[in-house]
Amino acid sequence: MKYVIVLAVVFLLLSSMMGRASKKGKLNEQANKAVTGLANAMRYLVYALMIVMAIALVIFTYHEFM
């Protein structure tokens, strides 16, 4: 579980760094599109991981107390 959390934090940091680089105009047009797409994909992956972890927590809590 801690590996998933570490992976999520690393993905969030990388996606925010890539987003900043593309917004500051340091990249050319093709690289800007690629970085933006990759940052969005990483963000969606982290959100999906958080949703799966929340569902697992709800299921665990339900089975623990019922």
PDB file of N, CA and C in Angstrom:
ATOM      1  N   MET A   1       0.816  -1.182   0.000  1.00  0.00           N
ATOM      2  CA  MET A   1       0.000   0.000   0.000  1.00  0.00           C
ATOM      3  C   MET A   1       0.866   1.254   0.000  1.00  0.00           C
ATOM      4  N   LYS A   2       1.967   1.195   0.749  1.00  0.00           N
ATOM      5  CA  LYS A   2       2.819   2.373   0.784  1.00  0.00           C
ATOM      6  C   LYS A   2       3.498   2.615  -0.565  1.00  0.00           C
ATOM      7  N   TYR A   3       3.709   1.557  -1.341  1.00  0.00           N
ATOM      8  CA  TYR A   3       4.287   1.738  -2.671  1.00  0.00           C
ATOM      9  C   TYR A   3       3.317   2.463  -3.599  1.00  0.00           C
ATOM     10  N   VAL A   4       2.041   2.174  -3.438  1.00  0.00           N
ATOM     11  CA  VAL A   4       1.033   2.853  -4.248  1.00  0.00           C
ATOM     12  C   VAL A   4       0.984   4.328  -3.892  1.00  0.00           C
ATOM     13  N   ILE A   5       1.063   4.645  -2.618  1.00  0.00           N
ATOM     14  CA  ILE A   5       1.044   6.034  -2.180  1.00  0.00           C
ATOM     15  C   ILE A   5       2.282   6.766  -2.680  1.00  0.00           C
ATOM     16  N   VAL A   6       3.435   6.142  -2.580  1.00  0.00           N
ATOM     17  CA  VAL A   6       4.672   6.758  -3.071  1.00  0.00           C
ATOM     18  C   VAL A   6       4.597   6.970  -4.576  1.00  0.00           C
ATOM     19  N   LEU A   7       4.091   5.992  -5.290  1.00  0.00           N
ATOM     20  CA  LEU A   7       3.934   6.114  -6.736  1.00  0.00           C
ATOM     21  C   LEU A   7       2.988   7.251  -7.089  1.00  0.00           C
ATOM     22  N   ALA A   8       1.893   7.377  -6.363  1.00  0.00           N
ATOM     23  CA  ALA A   8       0.936   8.448  -6.618  1.00  0.00           C
ATOM     24  C   ALA A   8       1.566   9.814  -6.370  1.00  0.00           C
ATOM     25  N   VAL A   9       2.333   9.948  -5.297  1.00  0.00           N
ATOM     26  CA  VAL A   9       2.979  11.227  -4.989  1.00  0.00           C
ATOM     27  C   VAL A   9       4.013  11.570  -6.063  1.00  0.00           C
ATOM     28  N   VAL A  10       4.782  10.596  -6.485  1.00  0.00           N
ATOM     29  CA  VAL A  10       5.779  10.838  -7.533  1.00  0.00           C
ATOM     30  C   VAL A  10       5.098  11.258  -8.832  1.00  0.00           C
ATOM     31  N   PHE A  11       4.004  10.584  -9.191  1.00  0.00           N
ATOM     32  CA  PHE A  11       3.274  10.947 -10.403  1.00  0.00           C
ATOM     33  C   PHE A  11       2.709  12.354 -10.309  1.00  0.00           C
ATOM     34  N   LEU A  12       2.174  12.724  -9.144  1.00  0.00           N
ATOM     35  CA  LEU A  12       1.640  14.074  -8.987  1.00  0.00           C
ATOM     36  C   LEU A  12       2.740  15.125  -9.116  1.00  0.00           C
ATOM     37  N   LEU A  13       3.878  14.856  -8.510  1.00  0.00           N
ATOM     38  CA  LEU A  13       4.990  15.808  -8.610  1.00  0.00           C
ATOM     39  C   LEU A  13       5.480  15.947 -10.051  1.00  0.00           C
ATOM     40  N   LEU A  14       5.639  14.814 -10.732  1.00  0.00           N
ATOM     41  CA  LEU A  14       6.100  14.870 -12.118  1.00  0.00           C
ATOM     42  C   LEU A  14       5.096  15.560 -13.029  1.00  0.00           C
ATOM     43  N   SER A  15       3.818  15.283 -12.833  1.00  0.00           N
ATOM     44  CA  SER A  15       2.819  15.911 -13.693  1.00  0.00           C
ATOM     45  C   SER A  15       2.745  17.410 -13.438  1.00  0.00           C
ATOM     46  N   SER A  16       2.907  17.829 -12.188  1.00  0.00           N
ATOM     47  CA  SER A  16       2.889  19.266 -11.917  1.00  0.00           C
ATOM     48  C   SER A  16       4.130  19.952 -12.482  1.00  0.00           C
ATOM     49  N   MET A  17       5.275  19.286 -12.429  1.00  0.00           N
ATOM     50  CA  MET A  17       6.490  19.864 -13.005  1.00  0.00           C
ATOM     51  C   MET A  17       6.374  19.975 -14.518  1.00  0.00           C
ATOM     52  N   MET A  18       5.804  18.952 -15.156  1.00  0.00           N
ATOM     53  CA  MET A  18       5.635  18.998 -16.610  1.00  0.00           C
ATOM     54  C   MET A  18       4.618  20.058 -17.003  1.00  0.00           C
ATOM     55  N   GLY A  19       3.574  20.211 -16.193  1.00  0.00           N
ATOM     56  CA  GLY A  19       2.575  21.244 -16.463  1.00  0.00           C
ATOM     57  C   GLY A  19       3.167  22.636 -16.363  1.00  0.00           C
ATOM     58  N   ARG A  20       4.024  22.854 -15.387  1.00  0.00           N
ATOM     59  CA  ARG A  20       4.682  24.162 -15.247  1.00  0.00           C
ATOM     60  C   ARG A  20       5.604  24.448 -16.417  1.00  0.00           C
ATOM     61  N   ALA A  21       6.328  23.443 -16.862  1.00  0.00           N
ATOM     62  CA  ALA A  21       7.252  23.639 -17.984  1.00  0.00           C
ATOM     63  C   ALA A  21       6.495  23.980 -19.259  1.00  0.00           C
ATOM     64  N   SER A  22       5.360  23.349 -19.459  1.00  0.00           N
ATOM     65  CA  SER A  22       4.604  23.623 -20.684  1.00  0.00           C
ATOM     66  C   SER A  22       3.910  24.982 -20.610  1.00  0.00           C
ATOM     67  N   LYS A  23       3.528  25.429 -19.423  1.00  0.00           N
ATOM     68  CA  LYS A  23       2.853  26.719 -19.286  1.00  0.00           C
ATOM     69  C   LYS A  23       3.821  27.894 -19.398  1.00  0.00           C
ATOM     70  N   LYS A  24       5.068  27.684 -19.046  1.00  0.00           N
ATOM     71  CA  LYS A  24       6.040  28.767 -19.113  1.00  0.00           C
ATOM     72  C   LYS A  24       6.570  28.994 -20.526  1.00  0.00           C
ATOM     73  N   GLY A  25       6.213  28.132 -21.446  1.00  0.00           N
ATOM     74  CA  GLY A  25       6.634  28.320 -22.826  1.00  0.00           C
ATOM     75  C   GLY A  25       8.074  27.929 -23.091  1.00  0.00           C
ATOM     76  N   LYS A  26       8.617  27.039 -22.275  1.00  0.00           N
ATOM     77  CA  LYS A  26      10.005  26.619 -22.457  1.00  0.00           C
ATOM     78  C   LYS A  26      10.142  25.525 -23.513  1.00  0.00           C
ATOM     79  N   LEU A  27       9.022  25.011 -23.982  1.00  0.00           N
ATOM     80  CA  LEU A  27       9.060  23.902 -24.928  1.00  0.00           C
ATOM     81  C   LEU A  27       8.510  24.341 -26.275  1.00  0.00           C
ATOM     82  N   ASN A  28       8.917  23.634 -27.319  1.00  0.00           N
ATOM     83  CA  ASN A  28       8.332  23.936 -28.625  1.00  0.00           C
ATOM     84  C   ASN A  28       6.927  23.337 -28.700  1.00  0.00           C
ATOM     85  N   GLU A  29       6.230  23.547 -29.810  1.00  0.00           N
ATOM     86  CA  GLU A  29       4.819  23.176 -29.903  1.00  0.00           C
ATOM     87  C   GLU A  29       4.592  21.669 -29.785  1.00  0.00           C
ATOM     88  N   GLN A  30       5.399  20.874 -30.457  1.00  0.00           N
ATOM     89  CA  GLN A  30       5.220  19.419 -30.404  1.00  0.00           C
ATOM     90  C   GLN A  30       5.521  18.871 -29.011  1.00  0.00           C
ATOM     91  N   ALA A  31       6.592  19.352 -28.412  1.00  0.00           N
ATOM     92  CA  ALA A  31       6.944  18.894 -27.067  1.00  0.00           C
ATOM     93  C   ALA A  31       5.896  19.351 -26.062  1.00  0.00           C
ATOM     94  N   ASN A  32       5.344  20.538 -26.275  1.00  0.00           N
ATOM     95  CA  ASN A  32       4.312  21.048 -25.378  1.00  0.00           C
ATOM     96  C   ASN A  32       3.077  20.151 -25.408  1.00  0.00           C
ATOM     97  N   LYS A  33       2.665  19.712 -26.593  1.00  0.00           N
ATOM     98  CA  LYS A  33       1.513  18.809 -26.707  1.00  0.00           C
ATOM     99  C   LYS A  33       1.804  17.470 -26.039  1.00  0.00           C
ATOM    100  N   ALA A  34       2.998  16.950 -26.254  1.00  0.00           N
ATOM    101  CA  ALA A  34       3.359  15.662 -25.672  1.00  0.00           C
ATOM    102  C   ALA A  34       3.393  15.733 -24.148  1.00  0.00           C
ATOM    103  N   VAL A  35       3.993  16.779 -23.619  1.00  0.00           N
ATOM    104  CA  VAL A  35       4.105  16.933 -22.169  1.00  0.00           C
ATOM    105  C   VAL A  35       2.729  17.133 -21.551  1.00  0.00           C
ATOM    106  N   THR A  36       1.895  17.915 -22.195  1.00  0.00           N
ATOM    107  CA  THR A  36       0.546  18.137 -21.677  1.00  0.00           C
ATOM    108  C   THR A  36      -0.255  16.840 -21.661  1.00  0.00           C
ATOM    109  N   GLY A  37      -0.160  16.065 -22.723  1.00  0.00           N
ATOM    110  CA  GLY A  37      -0.862  14.782 -22.763  1.00  0.00           C
ATOM    111  C   GLY A  37      -0.362  13.816 -21.717  1.00  0.00           C
ATOM    112  N   LEU A  38       0.940  13.749 -21.538  1.00  0.00           N
ATOM    113  CA  LEU A  38       1.504  12.850 -20.534  1.00  0.00           C
ATOM    114  C   LEU A  38       1.123  13.294 -19.125  1.00  0.00           C
ATOM    115  N   ALA A  39       1.151  14.586 -18.869  1.00  0.00           N
ATOM    116  CA  ALA A  39       0.773  15.090 -17.550  1.00  0.00           C
ATOM    117  C   ALA A  39      -0.694  14.783 -17.257  1.00  0.00           C
ATOM    118  N   ASN A  40      -1.552  14.944 -18.242  1.00  0.00           N
ATOM    119  CA  ASN A  40      -2.967  14.626 -18.037  1.00  0.00           C
ATOM    120  C   ASN A  40      -3.163  13.138 -17.789  1.00  0.00           C
ATOM    121  N   ALA A  41      -2.476  12.298 -18.529  1.00  0.00           N
ATOM    122  CA  ALA A  41      -2.591  10.851 -18.340  1.00  0.00           C
ATOM    123  C   ALA A  41      -2.122  10.444 -16.947  1.00  0.00           C
ATOM    124  N   MET A  42      -1.040  11.042 -16.484  1.00  0.00           N
ATOM    125  CA  MET A  42      -0.539  10.726 -15.152  1.00  0.00           C
ATOM    126  C   MET A  42      -1.526  11.192 -14.084  1.00  0.00           C
ATOM    127  N   ARG A  43      -2.113  12.370 -14.285  1.00  0.00           N
ATOM    128  CA  ARG A  43      -3.104  12.869 -13.345  1.00  0.00           C
ATOM    129  C   ARG A  43      -4.310  11.936 -13.271  1.00  0.00           C
ATOM    130  N   TYR A  44      -4.800  11.484 -14.428  1.00  0.00           N
ATOM    131  CA  TYR A  44      -5.940  10.570 -14.447  1.00  0.00           C
ATOM    132  C   TYR A  44      -5.598   9.251 -13.761  1.00  0.00           C
ATOM    133  N   LEU A  45      -4.381   8.769 -13.940  1.00  0.00           N
ATOM    134  CA  LEU A  45      -3.953   7.537 -13.282  1.00  0.00           C
ATOM    135  C   LEU A  45      -3.950   7.700 -11.767  1.00  0.00           C
ATOM    136  N   VAL A  46      -3.465   8.833 -11.290  1.00  0.00           N
ATOM    137  CA  VAL A  46      -3.444   9.078  -9.849  1.00  0.00           C
ATOM    138  C   VAL A  46      -4.868   9.172  -9.310  1.00  0.00           C
ATOM    139  N   TYR A  47      -5.749   9.858 -10.031  1.00  0.00           N
ATOM    140  CA  TYR A  47      -7.140   9.951  -9.590  1.00  0.00           C
ATOM    141  C   TYR A  47      -7.785   8.571  -9.549  1.00  0.00           C
ATOM    142  N   ALA A  48      -7.502   7.743 -10.533  1.00  0.00           N
ATOM    143  CA  ALA A  48      -8.048   6.385 -10.559  1.00  0.00           C
ATOM    144  C   ALA A  48      -7.517   5.571  -9.380  1.00  0.00           C
ATOM    145  N   LEU A  49      -6.237   5.715  -9.074  1.00  0.00           N
ATOM    146  CA  LEU A  49      -5.665   5.020  -7.920  1.00  0.00           C
ATOM    147  C   LEU A  49      -6.331   5.465  -6.617  1.00  0.00           C
ATOM    148  N   MET A  50      -6.594   6.752  -6.493  1.00  0.00           N
ATOM    149  CA  MET A  50      -7.237   7.251  -5.285  1.00  0.00           C
ATOM    150  C   MET A  50      -8.662   6.717  -5.163  1.00  0.00           C
ATOM    151  N   ILE A  51      -9.372   6.619  -6.276  1.00  0.00           N
ATOM    152  CA  ILE A  51     -10.730   6.080  -6.247  1.00  0.00           C
ATOM    153  C   ILE A  51     -10.709   4.606  -5.862  1.00  0.00           C
ATOM    154  N   VAL A  52      -9.784   3.844  -6.427  1.00  0.00           N
ATOM    155  CA  VAL A  52      -9.675   2.421  -6.095  1.00  0.00           C
ATOM    156  C   VAL A  52      -9.322   2.245  -4.621  1.00  0.00           C
ATOM    157  N   MET A  53      -8.428   3.075  -4.111  1.00  0.00           N
ATOM    158  CA  MET A  53      -8.063   2.985  -2.696  1.00  0.00           C
ATOM    159  C   MET A  53      -9.250   3.338  -1.810  1.00  0.00           C
ATOM    160  N   ALA A  54     -10.049   4.318  -2.193  1.00  0.00           N
ATOM    161  CA  ALA A  54     -11.228   4.694  -1.408  1.00  0.00           C
ATOM    162  C   ALA A  54     -12.253   3.564  -1.406  1.00  0.00           C
ATOM    163  N   ILE A  55     -12.457   2.924  -2.561  1.00  0.00           N
ATOM    164  CA  ILE A  55     -13.392   1.799  -2.638  1.00  0.00           C
ATOM    165  C   ILE A  55     -12.896   0.641  -1.771  1.00  0.00           C
ATOM    166  N   ALA A  56     -11.600   0.361  -1.831  1.00  0.00           N
ATOM    167  CA  ALA A  56     -11.034  -0.705  -1.002  1.00  0.00           C
ATOM    168  C   ALA A  56     -11.196  -0.383   0.485  1.00  0.00           C
ATOM    169  N   LEU A  57     -11.029   0.871   0.853  1.00  0.00           N
ATOM    170  CA  LEU A  57     -11.206   1.271   2.249  1.00  0.00           C
ATOM    171  C   LEU A  57     -12.649   1.086   2.699  1.00  0.00           C
ATOM    172  N   VAL A  58     -13.590   1.455   1.844  1.00  0.00           N
ATOM    173  CA  VAL A  58     -15.003   1.284   2.186  1.00  0.00           C
ATOM    174  C   VAL A  58     -15.338  -0.203   2.338  1.00  0.00           C
ATOM    175  N   ILE A  59     -14.854  -1.027   1.422  1.00  0.00           N
ATOM    176  CA  ILE A  59     -15.119  -2.468   1.503  1.00  0.00           C
ATOM    177  C   ILE A  59     -14.493  -3.059   2.755  1.00  0.00           C
ATOM    178  N   PHE A  60     -13.265  -2.686   3.046  1.00  0.00           N
ATOM    179  CA  PHE A  60     -12.599  -3.186   4.243  1.00  0.00           C
ATOM    180  C   PHE A  60     -13.346  -2.773   5.505  1.00  0.00           C
ATOM    181  N   THR A  61     -13.756  -1.515   5.557  1.00  0.00           N
ATOM    182  CA  THR A  61     -14.489  -1.033   6.729  1.00  0.00           C
ATOM    183  C   THR A  61     -15.818  -1.742   6.888  1.00  0.00           C
ATOM    184  N   TYR A  62     -16.495  -1.977   5.765  1.00  0.00           N
ATOM    185  CA  TYR A  62     -17.788  -2.684   5.812  1.00  0.00           C
ATOM    186  C   TYR A  62     -17.607  -4.102   6.362  1.00  0.00           C
ATOM    187  N   HIS A  63     -16.607  -4.811   5.872  1.00  0.00           N
ATOM    188  CA  HIS A  63     -16.390  -6.190   6.321  1.00  0.00           C
ATOM    189  C   HIS A  63     -15.867  -6.252   7.743  1.00  0.00           C
ATOM    190  N   GLU A  64     -15.180  -5.232   8.174  1.00  0.00           N
ATOM    191  CA  GLU A  64     -14.624  -5.221   9.526  1.00  0.00           C
ATOM    192  C   GLU A  64     -15.718  -5.031  10.571  1.00  0.00           C
ATOM    193  N   PHE A  65     -16.701  -4.204  10.280  1.00  0.00           N
ATOM    194  CA  PHE A  65     -17.718  -3.869  11.276  1.00  0.00           C
ATOM    195  C   PHE A  65     -19.043  -4.592  11.079  1.00  0.00           C
ATOM    196  N   MET A  66     -19.197  -5.378  10.030  1.00  0.00           N
ATOM    197  CA  MET A  66     -20.461  -6.110   9.832  1.00  0.00           C
ATOM    198  C   MET A  66     -20.291  -7.564  10.126  1.00  0.00           C
TER     199      MET A  66
END
